[in-house]
Amino acid sequence: GRSTSGGGGEPAAREWELRPGGMLVQKRN
């Protein structure tokens, strides 16, 4: 998963988080 913001192709791992219920969601800025 790559960032869609065009910020140099950073991995999307920084933009996703795992919630306590096990749901994978995008981090909010």
PDB file of all heavy atoms in Angstrom:
ATOM      1  N   GLY A   1       0.839  -1.198   0.000  1.00  0.00           N
ATOM      2  CA  GLY A   1       0.000   0.000   0.000  1.00  0.00           C
ATOM      3  C   GLY A   1       0.871   1.243   0.000  1.00  0.00           C
ATOM      4  O   GLY A   1       1.739   1.404   0.845  1.00  0.00           O
ATOM      5  N   ARG A   2       0.681   2.102  -0.923  1.00  0.00           N
ATOM      6  CA  ARG A   2       1.474   3.329  -1.020  1.00  0.00           C
ATOM      7  C   ARG A   2       0.592   4.525  -0.718  1.00  0.00           C
ATOM      8  O   ARG A   2      -0.624   4.486  -0.925  1.00  0.00           O
ATOM      9  CB  ARG A   2       2.067   3.476  -2.420  1.00  0.00           C
ATOM     10  CG  ARG A   2       3.019   2.376  -2.788  1.00  0.00           C
ATOM     11  CD  ARG A   2       4.326   2.529  -2.056  1.00  0.00           C
ATOM     12  NE  ARG A   2       5.225   1.434  -2.404  1.00  0.00           N
ATOM     13  CZ  ARG A   2       6.137   0.972  -1.590  1.00  0.00           C
ATOM     14  NH1 ARG A   2       6.301   1.478  -0.404  1.00  0.00           N
ATOM     15  NH2 ARG A   2       6.916   0.001  -1.961  1.00  0.00           N
ATOM     16  N   SER A   3       1.214   5.586  -0.296  1.00  0.00           N
ATOM     17  CA  SER A   3       0.481   6.810   0.013  1.00  0.00           C
ATOM     18  C   SER A   3      -0.066   7.426  -1.260  1.00  0.00           C
ATOM     19  O   SER A   3       0.631   7.512  -2.261  1.00  0.00           O
ATOM     20  CB  SER A   3       1.417   7.801   0.706  1.00  0.00           C
ATOM     21  OG  SER A   3       0.791   9.029   0.880  1.00  0.00           O
ATOM     22  N   THR A   4      -1.321   7.858  -1.227  1.00  0.00           N
ATOM     23  CA  THR A   4      -1.928   8.493  -2.393  1.00  0.00           C
ATOM     24  C   THR A   4      -1.685   9.988  -2.406  1.00  0.00           C
ATOM     25  O   THR A   4      -2.079  10.670  -3.324  1.00  0.00           O
ATOM     26  CB  THR A   4      -3.444   8.230  -2.414  1.00  0.00           C
ATOM     27  OG1 THR A   4      -4.000   8.736  -1.197  1.00  0.00           O
ATOM     28  CG2 THR A   4      -3.738   6.763  -2.572  1.00  0.00           C
ATOM     29  N   SER A   5      -1.036  10.481  -1.367  1.00  0.00           N
ATOM     30  CA  SER A   5      -0.808  11.923  -1.296  1.00  0.00           C
ATOM     31  C   SER A   5       0.368  12.374  -2.146  1.00  0.00           C
ATOM     32  O   SER A   5       0.606  13.559  -2.279  1.00  0.00           O
ATOM     33  CB  SER A   5      -0.574  12.354   0.160  1.00  0.00           C
ATOM     34  OG  SER A   5       0.590  11.737   0.653  1.00  0.00           O
ATOM     35  N   GLY A   6       1.117  11.431  -2.702  1.00  0.00           N
ATOM     36  CA  GLY A   6       2.250  11.796  -3.542  1.00  0.00           C
ATOM     37  C   GLY A   6       3.404  12.339  -2.729  1.00  0.00           C
ATOM     38  O   GLY A   6       4.182  13.128  -3.205  1.00  0.00           O
ATOM     39  N   GLY A   7       3.529  11.928  -1.500  1.00  0.00           N
ATOM     40  CA  GLY A   7       4.574  12.443  -0.630  1.00  0.00           C
ATOM     41  C   GLY A   7       5.838  11.648  -0.717  1.00  0.00           C
ATOM     42  O   GLY A   7       6.401  11.256   0.290  1.00  0.00           O
ATOM     43  N   GLY A   8       6.301  11.319  -1.911  1.00  0.00           N
ATOM     44  CA  GLY A   8       7.566  10.618  -2.067  1.00  0.00           C
ATOM     45  C   GLY A   8       7.430   9.115  -1.984  1.00  0.00           C
ATOM     46  O   GLY A   8       8.405   8.416  -1.831  1.00  0.00           O
ATOM     47  N   GLY A   9       6.218   8.570  -2.031  1.00  0.00           N
ATOM     48  CA  GLY A   9       6.019   7.129  -2.030  1.00  0.00           C
ATOM     49  C   GLY A   9       6.276   6.498  -0.686  1.00  0.00           C
ATOM     50  O   GLY A   9       6.871   5.438  -0.618  1.00  0.00           O
ATOM     51  N   GLU A  10       5.874   7.124   0.393  1.00  0.00           N
ATOM     52  CA  GLU A  10       6.039   6.541   1.711  1.00  0.00           C
ATOM     53  C   GLU A  10       5.127   5.326   1.841  1.00  0.00           C
ATOM     54  O   GLU A  10       4.044   5.298   1.277  1.00  0.00           O
ATOM     55  CB  GLU A  10       5.644   7.542   2.801  1.00  0.00           C
ATOM     56  CG  GLU A  10       6.642   8.630   3.030  1.00  0.00           C
ATOM     57  CD  GLU A  10       6.221   9.491   4.204  1.00  0.00           C
ATOM     58  OE1 GLU A  10       5.466   9.017   5.054  1.00  0.00           O
ATOM     59  OE2 GLU A  10       6.660  10.635   4.239  1.00  0.00           O
ATOM     60  N   PRO A  11       5.551   4.342   2.595  1.00  0.00           N
ATOM     61  CA  PRO A  11       4.684   3.197   2.817  1.00  0.00           C
ATOM     62  C   PRO A  11       3.440   3.627   3.583  1.00  0.00           C
ATOM     63  O   PRO A  11       3.483   4.524   4.411  1.00  0.00           O
ATOM     64  CB  PRO A  11       5.524   2.236   3.658  1.00  0.00           C
ATOM     65  CG  PRO A  11       6.909   2.753   3.623  1.00  0.00           C
ATOM     66  CD  PRO A  11       6.859   4.162   3.189  1.00  0.00           C
ATOM     67  N   ALA A  12       2.347   2.954   3.319  1.00  0.00           N
ATOM     68  CA  ALA A  12       1.082   3.294   3.956  1.00  0.00           C
ATOM     69  C   ALA A  12       1.009   2.780   5.387  1.00  0.00           C
ATOM     70  O   ALA A  12       0.012   2.977   6.051  1.00  0.00           O
ATOM     71  CB  ALA A  12      -0.071   2.743   3.139  1.00  0.00           C
ATOM     72  N   ALA A  13       2.033   2.091   5.872  1.00  0.00           N
ATOM     73  CA  ALA A  13       2.009   1.560   7.223  1.00  0.00           C
ATOM     74  C   ALA A  13       1.868   2.682   8.249  1.00  0.00           C
ATOM     75  O   ALA A  13       1.282   2.495   9.295  1.00  0.00           O
ATOM     76  CB  ALA A  13       3.283   0.771   7.501  1.00  0.00           C
ATOM     77  N   ARG A  14       2.376   3.845   7.956  1.00  0.00           N
ATOM     78  CA  ARG A  14       2.259   4.968   8.873  1.00  0.00           C
ATOM     79  C   ARG A  14       0.862   5.577   8.852  1.00  0.00           C
ATOM     80  O   ARG A  14       0.488   6.293   9.744  1.00  0.00           O
ATOM     81  CB  ARG A  14       3.267   6.051   8.514  1.00  0.00           C
ATOM     82  CG  ARG A  14       4.684   5.622   8.719  1.00  0.00           C
ATOM     83  CD  ARG A  14       5.623   6.744   8.406  1.00  0.00           C
ATOM     84  NE  ARG A  14       6.992   6.281   8.512  1.00  0.00           N
ATOM     85  CZ  ARG A  14       8.024   6.955   8.101  1.00  0.00           C
ATOM     86  NH1 ARG A  14       7.872   8.123   7.523  1.00  0.00           N
ATOM     87  NH2 ARG A  14       9.233   6.481   8.238  1.00  0.00           N
ATOM     88  N   GLU A  15       0.114   5.286   7.793  1.00  0.00           N
ATOM     89  CA  GLU A  15      -1.200   5.880   7.650  1.00  0.00           C
ATOM     90  C   GLU A  15      -2.315   4.955   8.101  1.00  0.00           C
ATOM     91  O   GLU A  15      -3.471   5.317   8.042  1.00  0.00           O
ATOM     92  CB  GLU A  15      -1.416   6.296   6.188  1.00  0.00           C
ATOM     93  CG  GLU A  15      -0.462   7.373   5.748  1.00  0.00           C
ATOM     94  CD  GLU A  15      -0.680   7.754   4.305  1.00  0.00           C
ATOM     95  OE1 GLU A  15      -1.708   7.391   3.728  1.00  0.00           O
ATOM     96  OE2 GLU A  15       0.207   8.427   3.764  1.00  0.00           O
ATOM     97  N   TRP A  16      -1.993   3.728   8.530  1.00  0.00           N
ATOM     98  CA  TRP A  16      -2.998   2.770   8.962  1.00  0.00           C
ATOM     99  C   TRP A  16      -2.775   2.427  10.418  1.00  0.00           C
ATOM    100  O   TRP A  16      -1.656   2.408  10.908  1.00  0.00           O
ATOM    101  CB  TRP A  16      -2.919   1.500   8.113  1.00  0.00           C
ATOM    102  CG  TRP A  16      -3.277   1.747   6.681  1.00  0.00           C
ATOM    103  CD1 TRP A  16      -2.421   2.058   5.681  1.00  0.00           C
ATOM    104  CD2 TRP A  16      -4.580   1.749   6.125  1.00  0.00           C
ATOM    105  NE1 TRP A  16      -3.109   2.243   4.513  1.00  0.00           N
ATOM    106  CE2 TRP A  16      -4.446   2.053   4.754  1.00  0.00           C
ATOM    107  CE3 TRP A  16      -5.854   1.502   6.628  1.00  0.00           C
ATOM    108  CZ2 TRP A  16      -5.534   2.133   3.903  1.00  0.00           C
ATOM    109  CZ3 TRP A  16      -6.929   1.565   5.779  1.00  0.00           C
ATOM    110  CH2 TRP A  16      -6.767   1.882   4.436  1.00  0.00           C
ATOM    111  N   GLU A  17      -3.882   2.114  11.106  1.00  0.00           N
ATOM    112  CA  GLU A  17      -3.760   1.680  12.489  1.00  0.00           C
ATOM    113  C   GLU A  17      -4.728   0.540  12.748  1.00  0.00           C
ATOM    114  O   GLU A  17      -5.769   0.435  12.091  1.00  0.00           O
ATOM    115  CB  GLU A  17      -4.017   2.833  13.459  1.00  0.00           C
ATOM    116  CG  GLU A  17      -5.434   3.360  13.465  1.00  0.00           C
ATOM    117  CD  GLU A  17      -5.661   4.462  14.484  1.00  0.00           C
ATOM    118  OE1 GLU A  17      -5.149   4.342  15.603  1.00  0.00           O
ATOM    119  OE2 GLU A  17      -6.349   5.425  14.138  1.00  0.00           O
ATOM    120  N   LEU A  18      -4.383  -0.297  13.685  1.00  0.00           N
ATOM    121  CA  LEU A  18      -5.210  -1.430  14.050  1.00  0.00           C
ATOM    122  C   LEU A  18      -5.973  -1.067  15.312  1.00  0.00           C
ATOM    123  O   LEU A  18      -5.371  -0.806  16.359  1.00  0.00           O
ATOM    124  CB  LEU A  18      -4.330  -2.663  14.288  1.00  0.00           C
ATOM    125  CG  LEU A  18      -5.045  -3.975  14.514  1.00  0.00           C
ATOM    126  CD1 LEU A  18      -5.866  -4.349  13.284  1.00  0.00           C
ATOM    127  CD2 LEU A  18      -4.036  -5.069  14.810  1.00  0.00           C
ATOM    128  N   ARG A  19      -7.287  -1.020  15.212  1.00  0.00           N
ATOM    129  CA  ARG A  19      -8.130  -0.670  16.356  1.00  0.00           C
ATOM    130  C   ARG A  19      -8.254  -1.854  17.306  1.00  0.00           C
ATOM    131  O   ARG A  19      -8.012  -3.007  16.904  1.00  0.00           O
ATOM    132  CB  ARG A  19      -9.521  -0.245  15.862  1.00  0.00           C
ATOM    133  CG  ARG A  19      -9.526   1.053  15.085  1.00  0.00           C
ATOM    134  CD  ARG A  19      -9.697   2.210  16.047  1.00  0.00           C
ATOM    135  NE  ARG A  19      -9.500   3.496  15.401  1.00  0.00           N
ATOM    136  CZ  ARG A  19     -10.475   4.238  14.884  1.00  0.00           C
ATOM    137  NH1 ARG A  19     -11.717   3.824  14.922  1.00  0.00           N
ATOM    138  NH2 ARG A  19     -10.191   5.405  14.352  1.00  0.00           N
ATOM    139  N   PRO A  20      -8.636  -1.626  18.572  1.00  0.00           N
ATOM    140  CA  PRO A  20      -8.742  -2.734  19.534  1.00  0.00           C
ATOM    141  C   PRO A  20      -9.677  -3.852  19.086  1.00  0.00           C
ATOM    142  O   PRO A  20      -9.456  -5.004  19.402  1.00  0.00           O
ATOM    143  CB  PRO A  20      -9.279  -2.057  20.795  1.00  0.00           C
ATOM    144  CG  PRO A  20      -8.835  -0.645  20.677  1.00  0.00           C
ATOM    145  CD  PRO A  20      -8.841  -0.337  19.210  1.00  0.00           C
ATOM    146  N   GLY A  21     -10.699  -3.557  18.320  1.00  0.00           N
ATOM    147  CA  GLY A  21     -11.619  -4.596  17.847  1.00  0.00           C
ATOM    148  C   GLY A  21     -11.045  -5.418  16.700  1.00  0.00           C
ATOM    149  O   GLY A  21     -11.681  -6.333  16.211  1.00  0.00           O
ATOM    150  N   GLY A  22      -9.845  -5.070  16.234  1.00  0.00           N
ATOM    151  CA  GLY A  22      -9.217  -5.796  15.149  1.00  0.00           C
ATOM    152  C   GLY A  22      -9.451  -5.164  13.789  1.00  0.00           C
ATOM    153  O   GLY A  22      -9.040  -5.711  12.770  1.00  0.00           O
ATOM    154  N   MET A  23     -10.111  -4.018  13.750  1.00  0.00           N
ATOM    155  CA  MET A  23     -10.392  -3.366  12.478  1.00  0.00           C
ATOM    156  C   MET A  23      -9.192  -2.532  12.053  1.00  0.00           C
ATOM    157  O   MET A  23      -8.628  -1.790  12.857  1.00  0.00           O
ATOM    158  CB  MET A  23     -11.627  -2.466  12.608  1.00  0.00           C
ATOM    159  CG  MET A  23     -12.066  -1.854  11.298  1.00  0.00           C
ATOM    160  SD  MET A  23     -13.496  -0.788  11.481  1.00  0.00           S
ATOM    161  CE  MET A  23     -14.738  -1.962  11.922  1.00  0.00           C
ATOM    162  N   LEU A  24      -8.821  -2.661  10.795  1.00  0.00           N
ATOM    163  CA  LEU A  24      -7.723  -1.896  10.237  1.00  0.00           C
ATOM    164  C   LEU A  24      -8.295  -0.632   9.602  1.00  0.00           C
ATOM    165  O   LEU A  24      -9.120  -0.706   8.699  1.00  0.00           O
ATOM    166  CB  LEU A  24      -6.976  -2.730   9.189  1.00  0.00           C
ATOM    167  CG  LEU A  24      -5.695  -2.132   8.640  1.00  0.00           C
ATOM    168  CD1 LEU A  24      -4.650  -2.041   9.742  1.00  0.00           C
ATOM    169  CD2 LEU A  24      -5.174  -2.968   7.490  1.00  0.00           C
ATOM    170  N   VAL A  25      -7.894   0.547  10.116  1.00  0.00           N
ATOM    171  CA  VAL A  25      -8.459   1.813   9.632  1.00  0.00           C
ATOM    172  C   VAL A  25      -7.339   2.789   9.318  1.00  0.00           C
ATOM    173  O   VAL A  25      -6.226   2.660   9.820  1.00  0.00           O
ATOM    174  CB  VAL A  25      -9.423   2.460  10.670  1.00  0.00           C
ATOM    175  CG1 VAL A  25     -10.646   1.603  10.866  1.00  0.00           C
ATOM    176  CG2 VAL A  25      -8.713   2.719  11.973  1.00  0.00           C
ATOM    177  N   GLN A  26      -7.665   3.765   8.494  1.00  0.00           N
ATOM    178  CA  GLN A  26      -6.687   4.790   8.153  1.00  0.00           C
ATOM    179  C   GLN A  26      -6.579   5.767   9.315  1.00  0.00           C
ATOM    180  O   GLN A  26      -7.579   6.169   9.904  1.00  0.00           O
ATOM    181  CB  GLN A  26      -7.133   5.531   6.897  1.00  0.00           C
ATOM    182  CG  GLN A  26      -6.085   6.433   6.335  1.00  0.00           C
ATOM    183  CD  GLN A  26      -6.510   7.016   4.992  1.00  0.00           C
ATOM    184  OE1 GLN A  26      -7.644   6.847   4.564  1.00  0.00           O
ATOM    185  NE2 GLN A  26      -5.597   7.691   4.344  1.00  0.00           N
ATOM    186  N   LYS A  27      -5.349   6.166   9.652  1.00  0.00           N
ATOM    187  CA  LYS A  27      -5.140   7.121  10.734  1.00  0.00           C
ATOM    188  C   LYS A  27      -5.684   8.479  10.339  1.00  0.00           C
ATOM    189  O   LYS A  27      -5.583   8.885   9.184  1.00  0.00           O
ATOM    190  CB  LYS A  27      -3.653   7.259  11.070  1.00  0.00           C
ATOM    191  CG  LYS A  27      -3.106   6.147  11.884  1.00  0.00           C
ATOM    192  CD  LYS A  27      -1.693   6.461  12.320  1.00  0.00           C
ATOM    193  CE  LYS A  27      -1.118   5.337  13.144  1.00  0.00           C
ATOM    194  NZ  LYS A  27       0.241   5.624  13.550  1.00  0.00           N
ATOM    195  N   ARG A  28      -6.244   9.180  11.311  1.00  0.00           N
ATOM    196  CA  ARG A  28      -6.766  10.517  11.060  1.00  0.00           C
ATOM    197  C   ARG A  28      -5.713  11.550  11.406  1.00  0.00           C
ATOM    198  O   ARG A  28      -5.016  11.427  12.403  1.00  0.00           O
ATOM    199  CB  ARG A  28      -8.003  10.763  11.908  1.00  0.00           C
ATOM    200  CG  ARG A  28      -9.138   9.843  11.532  1.00  0.00           C
ATOM    201  CD  ARG A  28     -10.373  10.251  12.193  1.00  0.00           C
ATOM    202  NE  ARG A  28     -10.875  11.421  11.484  1.00  0.00           N
ATOM    203  CZ  ARG A  28     -11.893  12.131  11.890  1.00  0.00           C
ATOM    204  NH1 ARG A  28     -12.511  11.819  12.988  1.00  0.00           N
ATOM    205  NH2 ARG A  28     -12.304  13.179  11.200  1.00  0.00           N
ATOM    206  N   ASN A  29      -5.622  12.541  10.586  1.00  0.00           N
ATOM    207  CA  ASN A  29      -4.726  13.656  10.834  1.00  0.00           C
ATOM    208  C   ASN A  29      -5.513  14.683  11.642  1.00  0.00           C
ATOM    209  O   ASN A  29      -6.562  15.141  11.189  1.00  0.00           O
ATOM    210  CB  ASN A  29      -4.250  14.247   9.505  1.00  0.00           C
ATOM    211  CG  ASN A  29      -3.221  15.320   9.689  1.00  0.00           C
ATOM    212  OD1 ASN A  29      -2.861  15.663  10.806  1.00  0.00           O
ATOM    213  ND2 ASN A  29      -2.740  15.852   8.584  1.00  0.00           N
TER     214      ASN A  29
END
